[in-house]
């Protein structure tokens, strides 16, 4: 196996993996609309959302009566990072736009994550259930009172207080706390019990969205859209819409979190991390799915007050920010089973970026570093293949001598390898070591939101999308052809030779659909391999080793 075939094997391995993922998406089992599992049947509300309040497992539902009238409305909140709409009915976040992330490059319109459009519903709900919880009322969810219809952040912190009061004297203030330069929203409930009896409540929060949202996935961008959660035992687990349809999630864990993921962005509810929480999911009528949690029951004595908190994160998958909020939340930047290798590579990518200040040049630098670190593996691979080629005449002689006697043939070959000091796996072992690094870098460049709309040079203004003029794919094909011509062709079959000769062209066509950042990585990798091959062959010639 020569070096060019090694590169192609790596590429075909990755391509096969992506093809399998796309086939599973296209032809695998699809979600079907089913009746709601658990809880009450959802009913439409005035803003087009769907009711889905979980039932407390520890207390019975109550029938609170609201005596202080409040008008349902939507409150608009603007900070330096977010534009959020809060529905006073339930106090749900029904819309969230990321002000620093445009919908498309150069667009004045920010990308919308949460949305109360009935066709593509995606909202963050929260409230209080239990025996005395207002969200468990038979009369429907509470309508909170707000002093203002809109809020604008002017300092480092912005607080949005909403208030609800029962006829018995329970006053609940639901407060949203926004902080500058942050996509995390703290949600705090202050329960003031002015009655003569102990009241019981339980916090819940959930993310709900339609399961027929536009598909972001493709053969060459195998990204994930759906639910995910973390428990004390499972650091990070995806829970797809199919999973939710087939079986409701029902887990109890210390700390934990639930989330809905999409490419580059995430929404997540983070309960109190010092408490035990119940994680759940539900499939709903009309093609909706929800994933959420319920917290520990809280008892508030007469004439006393209590506070309950949680955190909603709606924003980009910035690993440092998410890791600071909850353990393992940064794993929503999904590098697959090679996360343990991809995370250090991403750290290195970030470290280089602080000096280079251009993600395209950062990719070039990290490629040089990685290929340089693997030079000894490449050198060992080339030398091993050269020694194996040099042994071909002797191996052919052994075949003629021992014929069909496989046992003697095997023994003779092992003796030949020992005598000539050749490892038959020497050409494959370096490839096996390089493949995880290649796949890890592939996922790092694919998953990192930092590369979204990242400028490089000239016509390449976004490394997360294909090269608009296909210059990088063509150059990559040329370098693959040069590598092929540089190295001896060991394949004897004429048909296979023709296939190998046309392989650079075929791979270039695939590269037309790859993000420019990935193609740039492959191009620079090929260029470095060409330089290394020249150096290695020159050293081999001095040692008397034939190519």
Protein backbone atom coordinates (compact mmCIF):
# COMPACT_ATOMS: atom_id res chain seq x y z
CA UNK A 1 0.00 0.00 0.00
CA UNK A 2 1.64 3.22 -1.15
CA UNK A 3 1.14 6.62 0.47
CA UNK A 4 -1.35 7.84 -2.15
CA UNK A 5 -3.54 4.80 -1.54
CA UNK A 6 -3.23 5.47 2.20
CA UNK A 7 -4.62 8.97 1.74
CA UNK A 8 -7.43 7.64 -0.41
CA UNK A 9 -8.26 4.94 2.13
CA UNK A 10 -8.60 7.62 4.82
CA UNK A 11 -10.80 9.72 2.56
CA UNK A 12 -12.96 6.80 1.47
CA UNK A 13 -13.33 5.67 5.06
CA UNK A 14 -14.64 9.10 6.07
CA UNK A 15 -16.83 9.26 2.95
CA UNK A 16 -18.31 5.82 3.65
CA UNK A 17 -19.11 6.87 7.18
CA UNK A 18 -20.93 10.01 5.96
CA UNK A 19 -22.80 8.02 3.28
CA UNK A 20 -23.96 5.56 5.92
CA UNK A 21 -25.20 8.41 8.13
CA UNK A 22 -27.07 10.00 5.22
CA UNK A 23 -28.62 6.65 4.22
CA UNK A 24 -29.82 6.18 7.79
CA UNK A 25 -31.43 9.63 7.70
CA UNK A 26 -33.08 9.06 4.32
CA UNK A 27 -34.23 5.46 4.69
CA UNK A 28 -34.20 4.79 8.42
CA UNK A 29 -37.38 4.79 10.52
CA UNK A 30 -39.17 8.14 10.56
CA UNK A 31 -41.14 9.67 13.44
CA UNK A 32 -44.86 9.06 13.29
CA UNK A 33 -47.50 11.24 14.87
CA UNK A 34 -48.85 9.59 17.96
CA UNK A 35 -51.14 10.43 20.80
CA UNK A 36 -49.52 12.20 23.70
CA UNK A 37 -47.88 9.94 26.20
CA UNK A 38 -48.59 11.03 29.76
CA UNK A 39 -50.07 14.27 30.99
CA UNK A 40 -53.11 16.01 29.61
CA UNK A 41 -53.95 16.32 25.95
CA UNK A 42 -52.38 19.55 24.64
CA UNK A 43 -54.64 22.42 23.65
CA UNK A 44 -53.88 25.31 21.33
CA UNK A 45 -53.18 28.69 22.85
CA UNK A 46 -53.60 32.12 21.37
CA UNK A 47 -50.00 32.38 20.25
CA UNK A 48 -50.08 29.08 18.40
CA UNK A 49 -48.10 27.07 20.95
CA UNK A 50 -49.17 23.79 22.49
CA UNK A 51 -49.87 23.17 26.17
CA UNK A 52 -47.74 20.43 27.71
CA UNK A 53 -47.35 20.86 31.44
CA UNK A 54 -45.88 17.81 33.19
CA UNK A 55 -47.79 16.28 36.08
CA UNK A 56 -46.01 16.25 39.43
CA UNK A 57 -45.34 12.74 40.70
CA UNK A 58 -45.21 13.80 44.33
CA UNK A 59 -48.26 15.99 44.84
CA UNK A 60 -51.78 16.33 43.48
CA UNK A 61 -52.79 19.12 41.13
CA UNK A 62 -54.53 22.14 42.59
CA UNK A 63 -57.18 24.50 41.27
CA UNK A 64 -55.73 27.91 41.98
CA UNK A 65 -57.88 30.94 41.08
CA UNK A 66 -56.30 34.13 39.81
CA UNK A 67 -57.97 37.17 41.33
CA UNK A 68 -55.68 39.96 40.17
CA UNK A 69 -56.37 40.31 36.47
CA UNK A 70 -53.50 40.43 34.02
CA UNK A 71 -53.48 40.77 30.26
CA UNK A 72 -51.57 38.27 28.18
CA UNK A 73 -48.91 39.98 26.11
CA UNK A 74 -45.41 39.52 24.78
CA UNK A 75 -42.49 41.34 26.40
CA UNK A 76 -39.54 42.27 24.20
CA UNK A 77 -36.07 42.16 25.78
CA UNK A 78 -32.92 43.40 24.06
CA UNK A 79 -29.39 42.87 25.37
CA UNK A 80 -25.99 43.11 23.72
CA UNK A 81 -26.20 39.41 22.70
CA UNK A 82 -29.91 38.50 22.61
CA UNK A 83 -33.29 39.70 21.48
CA UNK A 84 -35.86 37.68 23.45
CA UNK A 85 -39.66 37.57 23.49
CA UNK A 86 -41.34 36.44 26.72
CA UNK A 87 -45.02 35.48 26.78
CA UNK A 88 -46.66 36.61 30.04
CA UNK A 89 -48.88 33.52 29.84
CA UNK A 90 -46.67 31.03 31.65
CA UNK A 91 -43.63 33.25 31.38
CA UNK A 92 -42.26 31.22 28.44
CA UNK A 93 -39.43 32.33 26.17
CA UNK A 94 -41.14 32.08 22.80
CA UNK A 95 -38.50 33.73 20.64
CA UNK A 96 -34.75 34.21 20.86
CA UNK A 97 -32.47 35.82 18.31
CA UNK A 98 -28.67 35.89 18.56
CA UNK A 99 -27.68 39.46 17.75
CA UNK A 100 -24.01 38.67 17.13
CA UNK A 101 -24.74 35.84 14.68
CA UNK A 102 -26.34 36.90 11.37
CA UNK A 103 -28.71 34.55 9.59
CA UNK A 104 -26.48 34.63 6.52
CA UNK A 105 -23.13 36.26 6.04
CA UNK A 106 -23.52 40.03 5.80
CA UNK A 107 -27.23 39.89 6.61
CA UNK A 108 -28.61 42.50 9.06
CA UNK A 109 -31.08 39.88 10.31
CA UNK A 110 -29.83 37.81 13.28
CA UNK A 111 -30.33 34.06 13.37
CA UNK A 112 -33.45 32.95 15.24
CA UNK A 113 -33.14 29.95 17.55
CA UNK A 114 -36.40 29.91 19.50
CA UNK A 115 -39.54 30.71 17.53
CA UNK A 116 -43.29 30.66 18.21
CA UNK A 117 -44.25 30.23 14.57
CA UNK A 118 -46.85 27.39 14.71
CA UNK A 119 -45.35 25.78 11.60
CA UNK A 120 -41.86 25.54 13.16
CA UNK A 121 -42.48 25.82 16.88
CA UNK A 122 -39.41 25.87 19.14
CA UNK A 123 -39.88 27.43 22.60
CA UNK A 124 -38.49 27.25 26.14
CA UNK A 125 -41.19 26.71 28.77
CA UNK A 126 -40.88 26.76 32.54
CA UNK A 127 -43.11 27.04 35.57
CA UNK A 128 -44.22 25.64 38.92
CA UNK A 129 -46.33 22.51 39.27
CA UNK A 130 -47.29 20.40 42.28
CA UNK A 131 -50.25 20.72 44.62
CA UNK A 132 -50.10 24.52 44.76
CA UNK A 133 -48.22 25.24 41.56
CA UNK A 134 -49.97 27.79 39.32
CA UNK A 135 -48.96 25.89 36.17
CA UNK A 136 -50.90 22.85 37.42
CA UNK A 137 -54.15 24.79 37.74
CA UNK A 138 -57.26 23.37 36.09
CA UNK A 139 -57.92 26.88 34.78
CA UNK A 140 -54.77 26.84 32.67
CA UNK A 141 -51.35 28.36 33.03
CA UNK A 142 -50.96 31.65 34.91
CA UNK A 143 -50.79 35.02 33.22
CA UNK A 144 -48.09 37.12 34.86
CA UNK A 145 -48.18 40.88 35.26
CA UNK A 146 -45.39 43.03 33.86
CA UNK A 147 -44.79 46.71 34.42
CA UNK A 148 -43.30 47.21 30.97
CA UNK A 149 -43.79 45.86 27.47
CA UNK A 150 -40.13 46.15 26.52
CA UNK A 151 -36.72 46.25 28.21
CA UNK A 152 -33.31 47.40 26.97
CA UNK A 153 -30.03 46.50 28.65
CA UNK A 154 -27.97 49.57 29.53
CA UNK A 155 -25.55 48.17 32.09
CA UNK A 156 -23.98 44.87 33.04
CA UNK A 157 -27.25 43.27 34.19
CA UNK A 158 -30.94 43.44 33.29
CA UNK A 159 -33.77 42.03 35.43
CA UNK A 160 -37.28 41.34 34.09
CA UNK A 161 -39.74 40.72 36.97
CA UNK A 162 -43.12 39.08 36.31
CA UNK A 163 -45.67 38.68 39.10
CA UNK A 164 -48.65 36.42 39.77
CA UNK A 165 -50.92 36.23 42.82
CA UNK A 166 -53.54 33.72 43.91
CA UNK A 167 -56.77 34.51 45.74
CA UNK A 168 -55.36 32.86 48.89
CA UNK A 169 -52.36 35.15 49.19
CA UNK A 170 -49.55 33.33 47.38
CA UNK A 171 -47.38 35.81 45.45
CA UNK A 172 -44.93 34.44 42.91
CA UNK A 173 -42.34 36.59 41.19
CA UNK A 174 -40.75 35.00 38.14
CA UNK A 175 -37.65 36.97 37.27
CA UNK A 176 -35.45 36.70 34.19
CA UNK A 177 -31.88 37.89 34.75
CA UNK A 178 -29.74 38.79 31.73
CA UNK A 179 -26.05 39.61 31.94
CA UNK A 180 -23.86 41.45 29.47
CA UNK A 181 -21.82 39.40 26.99
CA UNK A 182 -23.74 36.23 27.88
CA UNK A 183 -26.26 33.90 26.24
CA UNK A 184 -27.32 32.45 29.59
CA UNK A 185 -30.58 33.59 31.21
CA UNK A 186 -31.12 32.95 34.90
CA UNK A 187 -34.75 32.24 35.79
CA UNK A 188 -35.63 32.78 39.45
CA UNK A 189 -38.92 32.12 41.26
CA UNK A 190 -39.52 33.89 44.55
CA UNK A 191 -42.52 32.31 46.31
CA UNK A 192 -44.02 34.45 49.08
CA UNK A 193 -46.56 32.42 51.07
CA UNK A 194 -48.91 34.82 52.93
CA UNK A 195 -51.41 32.04 53.69
CA UNK A 196 -51.86 30.12 56.95
CA UNK A 197 -50.98 26.78 55.35
CA UNK A 198 -47.82 25.21 53.96
CA UNK A 199 -47.81 25.17 50.18
CA UNK A 200 -46.05 22.62 47.95
CA UNK A 201 -44.55 23.38 44.57
CA UNK A 202 -42.13 21.85 42.10
CA UNK A 203 -40.13 23.52 39.36
CA UNK A 204 -40.20 22.28 35.78
CA UNK A 205 -38.59 23.48 32.56
CA UNK A 206 -38.67 22.05 29.06
CA UNK A 207 -37.75 22.69 25.46
CA UNK A 208 -40.43 21.97 22.92
CA UNK A 209 -40.24 21.99 19.16
CA UNK A 210 -41.85 20.56 16.11
CA UNK A 211 -40.20 17.44 14.72
CA UNK A 212 -40.62 18.48 11.08
CA UNK A 213 -38.18 21.38 11.09
CA UNK A 214 -36.15 21.97 7.89
CA UNK A 215 -33.35 19.42 7.63
CA UNK A 216 -29.84 20.83 8.07
CA UNK A 217 -28.10 17.55 7.41
CA UNK A 218 -26.42 16.45 4.19
CA UNK A 219 -24.07 13.77 2.99
CA UNK A 220 -21.01 15.93 3.55
CA UNK A 221 -22.29 17.84 6.58
CA UNK A 222 -23.59 15.07 8.86
CA UNK A 223 -24.83 17.35 11.62
CA UNK A 224 -27.41 16.50 14.28
CA UNK A 225 -30.72 18.11 15.18
CA UNK A 226 -32.65 16.79 18.16
CA UNK A 227 -32.55 16.32 21.90
CA UNK A 228 -29.69 15.51 24.26
CA UNK A 229 -29.20 15.18 28.00
CA UNK A 230 -26.59 14.57 30.67
CA UNK A 231 -26.78 12.59 33.90
CA UNK A 232 -24.38 11.62 36.64
CA UNK A 233 -23.73 8.32 34.85
CA UNK A 234 -23.95 9.41 31.19
CA UNK A 235 -21.87 12.48 30.38
CA UNK A 236 -23.65 13.19 27.11
CA UNK A 237 -26.40 11.25 25.33
CA UNK A 238 -28.33 12.15 22.21
CA UNK A 239 -32.07 11.53 22.36
CA UNK A 240 -33.48 11.87 18.87
CA UNK A 241 -37.03 12.73 17.89
CA UNK A 242 -37.40 9.05 16.96
CA UNK A 243 -36.28 8.08 20.47
CA UNK A 244 -38.82 10.46 22.00
CA UNK A 245 -41.56 9.01 19.79
CA UNK A 246 -40.63 5.42 20.65
CA UNK A 247 -40.09 5.78 24.39
CA UNK A 248 -40.35 8.57 26.93
CA UNK A 249 -37.16 9.52 28.71
CA UNK A 250 -37.51 9.07 32.46
CA UNK A 251 -34.34 9.40 34.54
CA UNK A 252 -33.47 10.66 38.02
CA UNK A 253 -30.04 12.17 38.51
CA UNK A 254 -27.99 14.52 40.61
CA UNK A 255 -27.46 17.74 38.61
CA UNK A 256 -27.78 17.00 34.88
CA UNK A 257 -29.27 19.06 32.04
CA UNK A 258 -31.48 18.75 28.93
CA UNK A 259 -31.03 20.40 25.54
CA UNK A 260 -32.10 20.70 21.93
CA UNK A 261 -29.25 20.79 19.43
CA UNK A 262 -28.67 22.02 15.91
CA UNK A 263 -25.57 22.76 13.88
CA UNK A 264 -23.47 25.38 15.69
CA UNK A 265 -26.22 26.32 18.20
CA UNK A 266 -27.91 24.89 21.29
CA UNK A 267 -30.67 25.63 23.78
CA UNK A 268 -30.41 24.01 27.19
CA UNK A 269 -32.20 24.03 30.54
CA UNK A 270 -29.81 23.67 33.47
CA UNK A 271 -31.47 22.82 36.79
CA UNK A 272 -29.85 23.42 40.20
CA UNK A 273 -26.65 21.38 40.08
CA UNK A 274 -26.70 20.63 43.82
CA UNK A 275 -30.11 18.93 43.68
CA UNK A 276 -31.66 15.73 42.35
CA UNK A 277 -33.70 16.26 39.19
CA UNK A 278 -36.01 14.16 37.03
CA UNK A 279 -35.33 14.25 33.29
CA UNK A 280 -38.19 13.44 30.93
CA UNK A 281 -39.35 13.66 27.32
CA UNK A 282 -42.75 13.51 25.62
CA UNK A 283 -44.15 12.98 22.14
CA UNK A 284 -47.15 15.21 21.45
CA UNK A 285 -50.03 15.42 19.01
CA UNK A 286 -49.35 17.39 15.86
CA UNK A 287 -45.69 16.38 15.48
CA UNK A 288 -44.26 18.08 18.59
CA UNK A 289 -41.64 16.77 21.00
CA UNK A 290 -40.44 18.07 24.36
CA UNK A 291 -37.51 17.30 26.63
CA UNK A 292 -37.25 18.74 30.11
CA UNK A 293 -36.82 18.24 33.83
CA UNK A 294 -38.67 18.57 37.11
CA UNK A 295 -36.80 19.62 40.23
CA UNK A 296 -37.09 18.71 43.87
CA UNK A 297 -40.44 19.45 45.61
CA UNK A 298 -40.37 22.62 47.69
CA UNK A 299 -42.53 23.24 50.77
CA UNK A 300 -43.03 26.86 51.82
CA UNK A 301 -44.24 27.35 55.38
CA UNK A 302 -46.95 29.92 56.27
CA UNK A 303 -45.77 33.54 56.17
CA UNK A 304 -42.42 32.41 54.70
CA UNK A 305 -40.70 32.77 51.34
CA UNK A 306 -38.56 30.49 49.17
CA UNK A 307 -36.46 30.89 46.03
CA UNK A 308 -36.00 28.44 43.17
CA UNK A 309 -33.61 28.98 40.27
CA UNK A 310 -32.63 27.49 36.93
CA UNK A 311 -30.67 28.61 33.88
CA UNK A 312 -31.63 28.75 30.22
CA UNK A 313 -28.81 28.85 27.69
CA UNK A 314 -29.69 29.90 24.14
CA UNK A 315 -26.68 30.53 21.98
CA UNK A 316 -23.71 29.30 20.00
CA UNK A 317 -21.77 26.19 20.98
CA UNK A 318 -18.90 28.03 22.62
CA UNK A 319 -17.24 25.38 24.72
CA UNK A 320 -15.71 27.57 27.43
CA UNK A 321 -19.01 29.37 28.07
CA UNK A 322 -21.01 26.15 28.29
CA UNK A 323 -18.46 24.35 30.46
CA UNK A 324 -18.73 27.20 32.98
CA UNK A 325 -22.51 26.69 33.25
CA UNK A 326 -22.72 22.93 33.77
CA UNK A 327 -20.48 19.91 33.70
CA UNK A 328 -20.37 18.23 30.28
CA UNK A 329 -22.55 20.85 28.59
CA UNK A 330 -19.57 21.59 26.33
CA UNK A 331 -19.93 18.06 24.92
CA UNK A 332 -22.88 19.33 22.88
CA UNK A 333 -20.08 20.31 20.51
CA UNK A 334 -20.22 16.75 19.30
CA UNK A 335 -16.87 15.36 18.12
CA UNK A 336 -18.17 11.80 18.21
CA UNK A 337 -16.28 8.92 19.78
CA UNK A 338 -12.97 10.74 19.21
CA UNK A 339 -13.92 13.68 21.44
CA UNK A 340 -10.97 12.93 23.74
CA UNK A 341 -8.60 13.62 20.84
CA UNK A 342 -10.64 16.34 19.13
CA UNK A 343 -10.89 18.57 22.21
CA UNK A 344 -7.09 18.99 22.58
CA UNK A 345 -6.87 19.69 18.83
CA UNK A 346 -9.55 22.37 19.18
CA UNK A 347 -7.68 23.85 22.13
CA UNK A 348 -4.57 24.01 19.94
CA UNK A 349 -6.63 25.58 17.15
CA UNK A 350 -7.86 28.28 19.54
CA UNK A 351 -4.35 28.91 20.88
CA UNK A 352 -3.01 29.41 17.36
CA UNK A 353 -5.92 31.68 16.46
CA UNK A 354 -5.07 34.11 19.27
CA UNK A 355 -1.80 34.86 17.45
CA UNK A 356 -2.76 34.38 13.80
CA UNK A 357 -6.19 36.15 13.94
CA UNK A 358 -7.38 34.40 10.78
CA UNK A 359 -9.04 31.01 10.89
CA UNK A 360 -7.82 30.07 7.42
CA UNK A 361 -4.19 30.65 8.36
CA UNK A 362 -4.89 28.94 11.68
CA UNK A 363 -5.95 25.81 9.76
CA UNK A 364 -2.74 26.02 7.73
CA UNK A 365 -0.59 26.31 10.86
CA UNK A 366 -2.27 23.43 12.69
CA UNK A 367 -1.96 21.26 9.59
CA UNK A 368 1.77 21.99 9.44
CA UNK A 369 2.13 21.16 13.14
CA UNK A 370 0.13 17.92 12.92
CA UNK A 371 1.86 16.72 9.75
CA UNK A 372 5.21 17.68 11.23
CA UNK A 373 4.51 15.72 14.39
CA UNK A 374 3.56 12.70 12.29
CA UNK A 375 6.62 12.91 10.03
CA UNK A 376 8.33 9.99 11.71
CA UNK A 377 5.23 7.87 11.08
CA UNK A 378 5.16 8.86 7.42
CA UNK A 379 8.88 8.13 7.08
CA UNK A 380 8.47 4.71 8.70
CA UNK A 381 5.53 3.98 6.40
CA UNK A 382 7.44 4.88 3.21
CA UNK A 383 10.53 2.92 4.23
CA UNK A 384 8.48 -0.11 5.21
CA UNK A 385 6.67 -0.10 1.87
CA UNK A 386 9.98 0.23 0.02
CA UNK A 387 11.40 -2.77 1.88
CA UNK A 388 8.26 -4.78 1.13
CA UNK A 389 8.58 -3.95 -2.58
CA UNK A 390 12.22 -5.00 -2.49
CA UNK A 391 11.15 -8.38 -1.11
CA UNK A 392 8.67 -9.08 -3.91
CA UNK A 393 11.08 -11.20 -6.03
CA UNK A 394 12.01 -13.35 -3.02
CA UNK A 395 8.36 -13.75 -2.02
CA UNK A 396 7.49 -14.79 -5.58
CA UNK A 397 10.23 -17.38 -5.40
CA UNK A 398 8.76 -18.74 -2.16
CA UNK A 399 5.35 -19.06 -3.82
CA UNK A 400 6.86 -21.03 -6.69
CA UNK A 401 8.79 -23.23 -4.28
CA UNK A 402 6.05 -24.12 -1.80
CA UNK A 403 3.03 -23.85 -4.11
CA UNK A 404 -0.18 -24.71 -2.26
CA UNK A 405 1.46 -25.68 1.04
CA UNK A 406 0.18 -22.71 3.02
CA UNK A 407 1.75 -23.73 6.32
CA UNK A 408 5.28 -23.98 4.89
CA UNK A 409 4.70 -20.85 2.86
CA UNK A 410 3.67 -18.93 5.97
CA UNK A 411 6.67 -20.19 7.93
CA UNK A 412 9.05 -19.29 5.09
CA UNK A 413 7.60 -15.77 4.81
CA UNK A 414 7.96 -15.16 8.54
CA UNK A 415 11.56 -16.33 8.36
CA UNK A 416 12.17 -14.01 5.41
CA UNK A 417 10.69 -11.05 7.30
CA UNK A 418 12.85 -11.85 10.33
CA UNK A 419 16.00 -12.24 8.28
CA UNK A 420 15.45 -9.03 6.30
CA UNK A 421 14.23 -7.15 9.41
CA UNK A 422 10.97 -6.14 7.76
CA UNK A 423 7.64 -5.67 9.53
CA UNK A 424 4.78 -6.58 7.13
CA UNK A 425 2.48 -4.27 9.12
CA UNK A 426 4.93 -1.39 9.01
CA UNK A 427 3.07 0.30 6.16
CA UNK A 428 -0.37 -0.06 7.73
CA UNK A 429 0.35 0.76 11.37
CA UNK A 430 1.30 4.43 10.73
CA UNK A 431 -1.89 4.80 8.70
CA UNK A 432 -3.98 3.49 11.59
CA UNK A 433 -2.38 6.06 13.90
CA UNK A 434 -2.97 8.91 11.46
CA UNK A 435 -6.62 8.11 10.74
CA UNK A 436 -7.98 9.13 14.20
CA UNK A 437 -6.15 12.45 13.93
CA UNK A 438 -7.60 13.09 10.48
CA UNK A 439 -11.14 12.24 11.62
CA UNK A 440 -10.76 14.35 14.77
CA UNK A 441 -9.67 17.39 12.79
CA UNK A 442 -12.54 16.76 10.38
CA UNK A 443 -15.08 16.95 13.24
CA UNK A 444 -13.34 19.94 14.83
CA UNK A 445 -13.54 21.92 11.59
CA UNK A 446 -17.12 20.76 10.97
CA UNK A 447 -18.53 21.44 14.46
CA UNK A 448 -16.74 24.60 15.57
CA UNK A 449 -19.05 27.63 15.44
CA UNK A 450 -15.94 29.81 15.40
CA UNK A 451 -15.50 28.90 11.70
CA UNK A 452 -19.06 29.98 10.80
CA UNK A 453 -18.75 33.04 8.53
CA UNK A 454 -15.00 33.08 9.20
CA UNK A 455 -13.13 35.02 6.52
CA UNK A 456 -9.93 33.69 4.91
CA UNK A 457 -8.57 35.52 1.85
CA UNK A 458 -9.89 36.92 -1.42
CA UNK A 459 -13.07 35.12 -2.52
CA UNK A 460 -13.21 32.76 0.48
CA UNK A 461 -15.23 34.74 2.98
CA UNK A 462 -16.81 31.81 4.85
CA UNK A 463 -14.81 28.70 5.73
CA UNK A 464 -17.96 26.82 6.80
CA UNK A 465 -19.42 26.64 3.26
CA UNK A 466 -18.00 25.28 -0.03
CA UNK A 467 -15.54 27.33 -2.07
CA UNK A 468 -17.84 29.35 -4.40
CA UNK A 469 -15.38 29.15 -7.31
CA UNK A 470 -14.11 25.60 -6.58
CA UNK A 471 -10.47 26.72 -6.63
CA UNK A 472 -9.52 24.80 -3.48
CA UNK A 473 -11.12 21.51 -4.64
CA UNK A 474 -9.34 21.73 -8.02
CA UNK A 475 -5.97 22.47 -6.37
CA UNK A 476 -6.54 19.57 -3.99
CA UNK A 477 -7.19 17.25 -6.95
CA UNK A 478 -3.99 18.49 -8.62
CA UNK A 479 -1.91 17.78 -5.51
CA UNK A 480 -3.44 14.31 -5.24
CA UNK A 481 -2.47 13.65 -8.86
CA UNK A 482 1.08 14.87 -8.16
CA UNK A 483 1.33 12.53 -5.19
CA UNK A 484 0.11 9.69 -7.34
CA UNK A 485 2.72 10.41 -10.02
CA UNK A 486 5.48 10.78 -7.45
CA UNK A 487 4.97 7.32 -5.99
CA UNK A 488 5.36 3.99 -7.77
CA UNK A 489 2.21 2.18 -8.86
CA UNK A 490 2.20 -1.27 -7.24
CA UNK A 491 -1.14 -2.36 -8.71
CA UNK A 492 -0.73 -4.68 -11.70
CA UNK A 493 -4.35 -5.03 -12.82
CA UNK A 494 -5.01 -2.56 -15.72
CA UNK A 495 -8.58 -1.84 -14.64
CA UNK A 496 -7.52 -1.03 -11.07
CA UNK A 497 -4.74 1.17 -12.43
CA UNK A 498 -7.26 3.21 -14.42
CA UNK A 499 -9.50 3.54 -11.37
CA UNK A 500 -6.58 4.81 -9.29
CA UNK A 501 -5.60 7.27 -12.03
CA UNK A 502 -9.10 8.78 -12.07
CA UNK A 503 -9.42 8.82 -8.28
CA UNK A 504 -8.08 12.41 -7.87
CA UNK A 505 -10.76 13.64 -10.28
CA UNK A 506 -13.50 11.79 -8.40
CA UNK A 507 -12.28 13.09 -5.05
CA UNK A 508 -12.15 16.66 -6.39
CA UNK A 509 -15.82 16.41 -7.31
CA UNK A 510 -16.60 15.35 -3.74
CA UNK A 511 -14.54 18.28 -2.46
CA UNK A 512 -16.83 20.67 -4.36
CA UNK A 513 -19.43 19.99 -1.64
CA UNK A 514 -17.08 20.10 1.36
CA UNK A 515 -16.76 23.24 3.52
CA UNK A 516 -13.83 25.36 2.39
CA UNK A 517 -12.10 24.97 5.77
CA UNK A 518 -11.97 21.19 5.40
CA UNK A 519 -10.75 21.36 1.80
CA UNK A 520 -8.08 23.87 2.83
CA UNK A 521 -6.89 21.43 5.48
CA UNK A 522 -6.71 18.59 2.94
CA UNK A 523 -4.93 20.76 0.35
CA UNK A 524 -2.24 21.90 2.78
CA UNK A 525 -1.89 18.33 4.05
CA UNK A 526 -1.23 17.15 0.47
CA UNK A 527 1.32 19.89 -0.14
CA UNK A 528 3.18 18.97 3.05
CA UNK A 529 3.04 15.29 2.10
CA UNK A 530 4.62 16.13 -1.26
CA UNK A 531 7.48 17.95 0.47
CA UNK A 532 7.92 15.15 3.01
CA UNK A 533 7.87 12.52 0.26
CA UNK A 534 10.67 14.31 -1.59
CA UNK A 535 12.74 14.42 1.60
CA UNK A 536 12.07 10.79 2.47
CA UNK A 537 12.81 9.50 -1.03
CA UNK A 538 16.03 11.48 -1.10
CA UNK A 539 17.10 9.88 2.19
CA UNK A 540 16.05 6.44 0.93
CA UNK A 541 18.14 6.87 -2.23
CA UNK A 542 21.18 7.57 -0.06
CA UNK A 543 20.49 4.35 1.89
CA UNK A 544 20.13 2.38 -1.30
CA UNK A 545 16.44 1.69 -0.82
CA UNK A 546 14.44 1.61 -4.04
CA UNK A 547 11.08 3.34 -4.23
